[in-house]
Amino acid sequence: MSTVTVAPLSSAAGRILLCETAVPEGLIGDGRPSRVKAHQLRAVDKSRLGKKIGALPLGAMAEVDATLRIHLGL
């Protein structure tokens, strides 16, 4: 398979929406606090992916899973 499904990250300040998961500063990327935007899922070709910017700990990933389930109605 040459595509993967991704949930984009944003480091924009502001209120965290129900369809987003907060990622505390220092966990991934450039260290800024971020949010996973579950409502903006998309399929992208693997060739468009850059270098890995980090991995979420299991607890944070469980929060992302819960947000995805809410957004997708699962």
PDB file of N, CA and C in Angstrom:
ATOM      1  N   MET A   1       0.846  -1.163   0.000  1.00  0.00           N
ATOM      2  CA  MET A   1       0.000   0.000   0.000  1.00  0.00           C
ATOM      3  C   MET A   1       0.896   1.232   0.000  1.00  0.00           C
ATOM      4  N   SER A   2       0.585   2.185  -0.855  1.00  0.00           N
ATOM      5  CA  SER A   2       1.450   3.360  -0.962  1.00  0.00           C
ATOM      6  C   SER A   2       0.876   4.581  -0.259  1.00  0.00           C
ATOM      7  N   THR A   3      -0.287   4.436   0.369  1.00  0.00           N
ATOM      8  CA  THR A   3      -0.861   5.574   1.087  1.00  0.00           C
ATOM      9  C   THR A   3      -1.044   5.247   2.565  1.00  0.00           C
ATOM     10  N   VAL A   4      -1.104   6.293   3.365  1.00  0.00           N
ATOM     11  CA  VAL A   4      -1.378   6.174   4.793  1.00  0.00           C
ATOM     12  C   VAL A   4      -2.408   7.236   5.158  1.00  0.00           C
ATOM     13  N   THR A   5      -3.130   7.006   6.236  1.00  0.00           N
ATOM     14  CA  THR A   5      -4.074   7.991   6.740  1.00  0.00           C
ATOM     15  C   THR A   5      -3.389   8.779   7.838  1.00  0.00           C
ATOM     16  N   VAL A   6      -3.490  10.104   7.746  1.00  0.00           N
ATOM     17  CA  VAL A   6      -2.829  10.960   8.722  1.00  0.00           C
ATOM     18  C   VAL A   6      -3.836  11.901   9.365  1.00  0.00           C
ATOM     19  N   ALA A   7      -3.554  12.283  10.589  1.00  0.00           N
ATOM     20  CA  ALA A   7      -4.293  13.333  11.286  1.00  0.00           C
ATOM     21  C   ALA A   7      -3.304  14.474  11.494  1.00  0.00           C
ATOM     22  N   PRO A   8      -3.549  15.621  10.887  1.00  0.00           N
ATOM     23  CA  PRO A   8      -2.583  16.714  10.988  1.00  0.00           C
ATOM     24  C   PRO A   8      -2.471  17.275  12.398  1.00  0.00           C
ATOM     25  N   LEU A   9      -1.331  17.884  12.644  1.00  0.00           N
ATOM     26  CA  LEU A   9      -1.067  18.583  13.906  1.00  0.00           C
ATOM     27  C   LEU A   9      -1.132  20.082  13.672  1.00  0.00           C
ATOM     28  N   SER A  10      -1.497  20.817  14.700  1.00  0.00           N
ATOM     29  CA  SER A  10      -1.459  22.273  14.654  1.00  0.00           C
ATOM     30  C   SER A  10      -0.882  22.775  15.969  1.00  0.00           C
ATOM     31  N   SER A  11      -0.086  23.823  15.885  1.00  0.00           N
ATOM     32  CA  SER A  11       0.430  24.436  17.111  1.00  0.00           C
ATOM     33  C   SER A  11      -0.214  25.801  17.339  1.00  0.00           C
ATOM     34  N   ALA A  12      -1.275  26.101  16.592  1.00  0.00           N
ATOM     35  CA  ALA A  12      -1.977  27.369  16.749  1.00  0.00           C
ATOM     36  C   ALA A  12      -2.591  27.452  18.145  1.00  0.00           C
ATOM     37  N   ALA A  13      -2.484  28.621  18.739  1.00  0.00           N
ATOM     38  CA  ALA A  13      -3.055  28.835  20.067  1.00  0.00           C
ATOM     39  C   ALA A  13      -4.573  28.885  19.967  1.00  0.00           C
ATOM     40  N   GLY A  14      -5.223  28.642  21.073  1.00  0.00           N
ATOM     41  CA  GLY A  14      -6.677  28.726  21.098  1.00  0.00           C
ATOM     42  C   GLY A  14      -7.299  27.558  21.812  1.00  0.00           C
ATOM     43  N   ARG A  15      -8.593  27.580  21.820  1.00  0.00           N
ATOM     44  CA  ARG A  15      -9.394  26.577  22.502  1.00  0.00           C
ATOM     45  C   ARG A  15      -9.298  25.238  21.780  1.00  0.00           C
ATOM     46  N   ILE A  16      -9.198  24.155  22.537  1.00  0.00           N
ATOM     47  CA  ILE A  16      -9.176  22.803  21.975  1.00  0.00           C
ATOM     48  C   ILE A  16     -10.616  22.372  21.716  1.00  0.00           C
ATOM     49  N   LEU A  17     -10.919  22.006  20.485  1.00  0.00           N
ATOM     50  CA  LEU A  17     -12.260  21.588  20.111  1.00  0.00           C
ATOM     51  C   LEU A  17     -12.501  20.128  20.486  1.00  0.00           C
ATOM     52  N   LEU A  18     -13.761  19.709  20.491  1.00  0.00           N
ATOM     53  CA  LEU A  18     -14.122  18.325  20.816  1.00  0.00           C
ATOM     54  C   LEU A  18     -13.485  17.341  19.838  1.00  0.00           C
ATOM     55  N   CYS A  19     -13.253  17.785  18.601  1.00  0.00           N
ATOM     56  CA  CYS A  19     -12.680  16.917  17.571  1.00  0.00           C
ATOM     57  C   CYS A  19     -11.155  17.023  17.518  1.00  0.00           C
ATOM     58  N   GLU A  20     -10.540  17.569  18.564  1.00  0.00           N
ATOM     59  CA  GLU A  20      -9.087  17.702  18.640  1.00  0.00           C
ATOM     60  C   GLU A  20      -8.580  17.105  19.948  1.00  0.00           C
ATOM     61  N   THR A  21      -7.317  16.719  19.954  1.00  0.00           N
ATOM     62  CA  THR A  21      -6.673  16.208  21.162  1.00  0.00           C
ATOM     63  C   THR A  21      -5.451  17.054  21.451  1.00  0.00           C
ATOM     64  N   ALA A  22      -5.365  17.564  22.664  1.00  0.00           N
ATOM     65  CA  ALA A  22      -4.215  18.376  23.059  1.00  0.00           C
ATOM     66  C   ALA A  22      -2.981  17.497  23.224  1.00  0.00           C
ATOM     67  N   VAL A  23      -1.845  18.006  22.757  1.00  0.00           N
ATOM     68  CA  VAL A  23      -0.550  17.344  22.925  1.00  0.00           C
ATOM     69  C   VAL A  23       0.335  18.316  23.701  1.00  0.00           C
ATOM     70  N   PRO A  24       0.693  17.994  24.937  1.00  0.00           N
ATOM     71  CA  PRO A  24       1.495  18.909  25.752  1.00  0.00           C
ATOM     72  C   PRO A  24       2.841  19.234  25.104  1.00  0.00           C
ATOM     73  N   GLU A  25       3.381  20.376  25.464  1.00  0.00           N
ATOM     74  CA  GLU A  25       4.669  20.785  24.902  1.00  0.00           C
ATOM     75  C   GLU A  25       5.757  19.778  25.231  1.00  0.00           C
ATOM     76  N   GLY A  26       6.679  19.636  24.300  1.00  0.00           N
ATOM     77  CA  GLY A  26       7.828  18.768  24.497  1.00  0.00           C
ATOM     78  C   GLY A  26       7.645  17.315  24.074  1.00  0.00           C
ATOM     79  N   LEU A  27       6.422  16.924  23.696  1.00  0.00           N
ATOM     80  CA  LEU A  27       6.209  15.515  23.342  1.00  0.00           C
ATOM     81  C   LEU A  27       6.599  15.194  21.909  1.00  0.00           C
ATOM     82  N   ILE A  28       6.253  16.067  20.974  1.00  0.00           N
ATOM     83  CA  ILE A  28       6.557  15.803  19.565  1.00  0.00           C
ATOM     84  C   ILE A  28       6.870  17.106  18.840  1.00  0.00           C
ATOM     85  N   GLY A  29       7.380  16.970  17.651  1.00  0.00           N
ATOM     86  CA  GLY A  29       7.634  18.130  16.799  1.00  0.00           C
ATOM     87  C   GLY A  29       8.717  19.032  17.343  1.00  0.00           C
ATOM     88  N   ASP A  30       8.452  20.330  17.277  1.00  0.00           N
ATOM     89  CA  ASP A  30       9.444  21.318  17.706  1.00  0.00           C
ATOM     90  C   ASP A  30       9.320  21.664  19.184  1.00  0.00           C
ATOM     91  N   GLY A  31       8.524  20.911  19.920  1.00  0.00           N
ATOM     92  CA  GLY A  31       8.421  21.097  21.360  1.00  0.00           C
ATOM     93  C   GLY A  31       7.275  21.978  21.800  1.00  0.00           C
ATOM     94  N   ARG A  32       6.629  22.675  20.866  1.00  0.00           N
ATOM     95  CA  ARG A  32       5.498  23.536  21.231  1.00  0.00           C
ATOM     96  C   ARG A  32       4.270  22.684  21.555  1.00  0.00           C
ATOM     97  N   PRO A  33       3.378  23.193  22.388  1.00  0.00           N
ATOM     98  CA  PRO A  33       2.122  22.476  22.596  1.00  0.00           C
ATOM     99  C   PRO A  33       1.378  22.412  21.257  1.00  0.00           C
ATOM    100  N   SER A  34       0.723  21.299  20.997  1.00  0.00           N
ATOM    101  CA  SER A  34       0.058  21.092  19.715  1.00  0.00           C
ATOM    102  C   SER A  34      -1.312  20.487  19.933  1.00  0.00           C
ATOM    103  N   ARG A  35      -1.995  20.250  18.839  1.00  0.00           N
ATOM    104  CA  ARG A  35      -3.273  19.543  18.868  1.00  0.00           C
ATOM    105  C   ARG A  35      -3.368  18.642  17.644  1.00  0.00           C
ATOM    106  N   VAL A  36      -3.894  17.448  17.858  1.00  0.00           N
ATOM    107  CA  VAL A  36      -4.165  16.524  16.755  1.00  0.00           C
ATOM    108  C   VAL A  36      -5.557  16.860  16.259  1.00  0.00           C
ATOM    109  N   LYS A  37      -5.700  17.124  14.972  1.00  0.00           N
ATOM    110  CA  LYS A  37      -6.963  17.549  14.386  1.00  0.00           C
ATOM    111  C   LYS A  37      -7.669  16.345  13.741  1.00  0.00           C
ATOM    112  N   ALA A  38      -8.422  15.608  14.560  1.00  0.00           N
ATOM    113  CA  ALA A  38      -9.081  14.380  14.101  1.00  0.00           C
ATOM    114  C   ALA A  38     -10.116  14.647  13.017  1.00  0.00           C
ATOM    115  N   HIS A  39     -10.632  15.845  12.945  1.00  0.00           N
ATOM    116  CA  HIS A  39     -11.637  16.172  11.936  1.00  0.00           C
ATOM    117  C   HIS A  39     -11.028  16.505  10.572  1.00  0.00           C
ATOM    118  N   GLN A  40      -9.701  16.444  10.464  1.00  0.00           N
ATOM    119  CA  GLN A  40      -9.046  16.738   9.197  1.00  0.00           C
ATOM    120  C   GLN A  40      -8.235  15.539   8.686  1.00  0.00           C
ATOM    121  N   LEU A  41      -8.726  14.329   8.949  1.00  0.00           N
ATOM    122  CA  LEU A  41      -8.058  13.119   8.467  1.00  0.00           C
ATOM    123  C   LEU A  41      -7.941  13.165   6.951  1.00  0.00           C
ATOM    124  N   ARG A  42      -6.841  12.633   6.447  1.00  0.00           N
ATOM    125  CA  ARG A  42      -6.674  12.522   4.994  1.00  0.00           C
ATOM    126  C   ARG A  42      -5.725  11.395   4.655  1.00  0.00           C
ATOM    127  N   ALA A  43      -5.874  10.892   3.458  1.00  0.00           N
ATOM    128  CA  ALA A  43      -4.964   9.867   2.949  1.00  0.00           C
ATOM    129  C   ALA A  43      -3.892  10.577   2.126  1.00  0.00           C
ATOM    130  N   VAL A  44      -2.636  10.232   2.379  1.00  0.00           N
ATOM    131  CA  VAL A  44      -1.532  10.833   1.629  1.00  0.00           C
ATOM    132  C   VAL A  44      -0.598   9.728   1.156  1.00  0.00           C
ATOM    133  N   ASP A  45       0.057   9.994   0.063  1.00  0.00           N
ATOM    134  CA  ASP A  45       1.049   9.059  -0.448  1.00  0.00           C
ATOM    135  C   ASP A  45       2.255   9.073   0.485  1.00  0.00           C
ATOM    136  N   LYS A  46       2.808   7.911   0.751  1.00  0.00           N
ATOM    137  CA  LYS A  46       3.958   7.811   1.659  1.00  0.00           C
ATOM    138  C   LYS A  46       5.139   8.659   1.200  1.00  0.00           C
ATOM    139  N   SER A  47       5.248   8.887  -0.097  1.00  0.00           N
ATOM    140  CA  SER A  47       6.364   9.685  -0.611  1.00  0.00           C
ATOM    141  C   SER A  47       6.280  11.149  -0.161  1.00  0.00           C
ATOM    142  N   ARG A  48       5.111  11.592   0.292  1.00  0.00           N
ATOM    143  CA  ARG A  48       4.945  12.972   0.754  1.00  0.00           C
ATOM    144  C   ARG A  48       5.319  13.160   2.225  1.00  0.00           C
ATOM    145  N   LEU A  49       5.559  12.058   2.928  1.00  0.00           N
ATOM    146  CA  LEU A  49       5.884  12.157   4.346  1.00  0.00           C
ATOM    147  C   LEU A  49       7.336  12.582   4.528  1.00  0.00           C
ATOM    148  N   GLY A  50       7.549  13.449   5.497  1.00  0.00           N
ATOM    149  CA  GLY A  50       8.908  13.860   5.838  1.00  0.00           C
ATOM    150  C   GLY A  50       9.465  12.954   6.914  1.00  0.00           C
ATOM    151  N   LYS A  51      10.458  13.470   7.633  1.00  0.00           N
ATOM    152  CA  LYS A  51      11.052  12.671   8.696  1.00  0.00           C
ATOM    153  C   LYS A  51      10.103  12.586   9.891  1.00  0.00           C
ATOM    154  N   LYS A  52      10.250  11.541  10.639  1.00  0.00           N
ATOM    155  CA  LYS A  52       9.430  11.320  11.825  1.00  0.00           C
ATOM    156  C   LYS A  52       9.723  12.413  12.844  1.00  0.00           C
ATOM    157  N   ILE A  53       8.654  13.017  13.397  1.00  0.00           N
ATOM    158  CA  ILE A  53       8.847  14.110  14.356  1.00  0.00           C
ATOM    159  C   ILE A  53       8.638  13.666  15.795  1.00  0.00           C
ATOM    160  N   GLY A  54       8.338  12.402  16.010  1.00  0.00           N
ATOM    161  CA  GLY A  54       8.164  11.905  17.363  1.00  0.00           C
ATOM    162  C   GLY A  54       7.090  10.838  17.424  1.00  0.00           C
ATOM    163  N   ALA A  55       6.862  10.359  18.620  1.00  0.00           N
ATOM    164  CA  ALA A  55       5.826   9.360  18.866  1.00  0.00           C
ATOM    165  C   ALA A  55       5.123   9.715  20.164  1.00  0.00           C
ATOM    166  N   LEU A  56       3.822   9.608  20.154  1.00  0.00           N
ATOM    167  CA  LEU A  56       3.069   9.906  21.364  1.00  0.00           C
ATOM    168  C   LEU A  56       3.157   8.751  22.352  1.00  0.00           C
ATOM    169  N   PRO A  57       3.243   9.060  23.637  1.00  0.00           N
ATOM    170  CA  PRO A  57       3.181   8.000  24.643  1.00  0.00           C
ATOM    171  C   PRO A  57       1.799   7.330  24.599  1.00  0.00           C
ATOM    172  N   LEU A  58       1.702   6.135  25.149  1.00  0.00           N
ATOM    173  CA  LEU A  58       0.452   5.367  25.085  1.00  0.00           C
ATOM    174  C   LEU A  58      -0.748   6.134  25.629  1.00  0.00           C
ATOM    175  N   GLY A  59      -0.581   6.848  26.724  1.00  0.00           N
ATOM    176  CA  GLY A  59      -1.698   7.597  27.300  1.00  0.00           C
ATOM    177  C   GLY A  59      -2.231   8.663  26.355  1.00  0.00           C
ATOM    178  N   ALA A  60      -1.330   9.396  25.722  1.00  0.00           N
ATOM    179  CA  ALA A  60      -1.737  10.429  24.766  1.00  0.00           C
ATOM    180  C   ALA A  60      -2.364   9.798  23.531  1.00  0.00           C
ATOM    181  N   MET A  61      -1.830   8.665  23.095  1.00  0.00           N
ATOM    182  CA  MET A  61      -2.393   7.982  21.932  1.00  0.00           C
ATOM    183  C   MET A  61      -3.792   7.471  22.232  1.00  0.00           C
ATOM    184  N   ALA A  62      -4.039   7.046  23.463  1.00  0.00           N
ATOM    185  CA  ALA A  62      -5.382   6.608  23.857  1.00  0.00           C
ATOM    186  C   ALA A  62      -6.363   7.773  23.759  1.00  0.00           C
ATOM    187  N   GLU A  63      -5.918   8.973  24.097  1.00  0.00           N
ATOM    188  CA  GLU A  63      -6.770  10.165  23.969  1.00  0.00           C
ATOM    189  C   GLU A  63      -7.076  10.449  22.497  1.00  0.00           C
ATOM    190  N   VAL A  64      -6.078  10.306  21.630  1.00  0.00           N
ATOM    191  CA  VAL A  64      -6.292  10.491  20.188  1.00  0.00           C
ATOM    192  C   VAL A  64      -7.288   9.447  19.696  1.00  0.00           C
ATOM    193  N   ASP A  65      -7.130   8.198  20.108  1.00  0.00           N
ATOM    194  CA  ASP A  65      -8.072   7.136  19.722  1.00  0.00           C
ATOM    195  C   ASP A  65      -9.499   7.503  20.127  1.00  0.00           C
ATOM    196  N   ALA A  66      -9.671   7.993  21.346  1.00  0.00           N
ATOM    197  CA  ALA A  66     -11.004   8.358  21.835  1.00  0.00           C
ATOM    198  C   ALA A  66     -11.593   9.496  21.002  1.00  0.00           C
ATOM    199  N   THR A  67     -10.779  10.481  20.670  1.00  0.00           N
ATOM    200  CA  THR A  67     -11.247  11.598  19.849  1.00  0.00           C
ATOM    201  C   THR A  67     -11.643  11.123  18.460  1.00  0.00           C
ATOM    202  N   LEU A  68     -10.851  10.224  17.878  1.00  0.00           N
ATOM    203  CA  LEU A  68     -11.181   9.675  16.561  1.00  0.00           C
ATOM    204  C   LEU A  68     -12.496   8.903  16.608  1.00  0.00           C
ATOM    205  N   ARG A  69     -12.699   8.134  17.664  1.00  0.00           N
ATOM    206  CA  ARG A  69     -13.945   7.366  17.798  1.00  0.00           C
ATOM    207  C   ARG A  69     -15.166   8.301  17.866  1.00  0.00           C
ATOM    208  N   ILE A  70     -15.041   9.396  18.618  1.00  0.00           N
ATOM    209  CA  ILE A  70     -16.129  10.363  18.706  1.00  0.00           C
ATOM    210  C   ILE A  70     -16.389  10.969  17.331  1.00  0.00           C
ATOM    211  N   HIS A  71     -15.329  11.422  16.681  1.00  0.00           N
ATOM    212  CA  HIS A  71     -15.481  12.075  15.377  1.00  0.00           C
ATOM    213  C   HIS A  71     -16.079  11.141  14.324  1.00  0.00           C
ATOM    214  N   LEU A  72     -15.660   9.881  14.334  1.00  0.00           N
ATOM    215  CA  LEU A  72     -16.125   8.920  13.338  1.00  0.00           C
ATOM    216  C   LEU A  72     -17.433   8.225  13.742  1.00  0.00           C
ATOM    217  N   GLY A  73     -17.913   8.490  14.951  1.00  0.00           N
ATOM    218  CA  GLY A  73     -19.148   7.890  15.408  1.00  0.00           C
ATOM    219  C   GLY A  73     -19.036   6.405  15.684  1.00  0.00           C
ATOM    220  N   LEU A  74     -17.877   5.986  16.180  1.00  0.00           N
ATOM    221  CA  LEU A  74     -17.648   4.554  16.466  1.00  0.00           C
ATOM    222  C   LEU A  74     -17.918   4.223  17.916  1.00  0.00           C
TER     223      LEU A  74
END
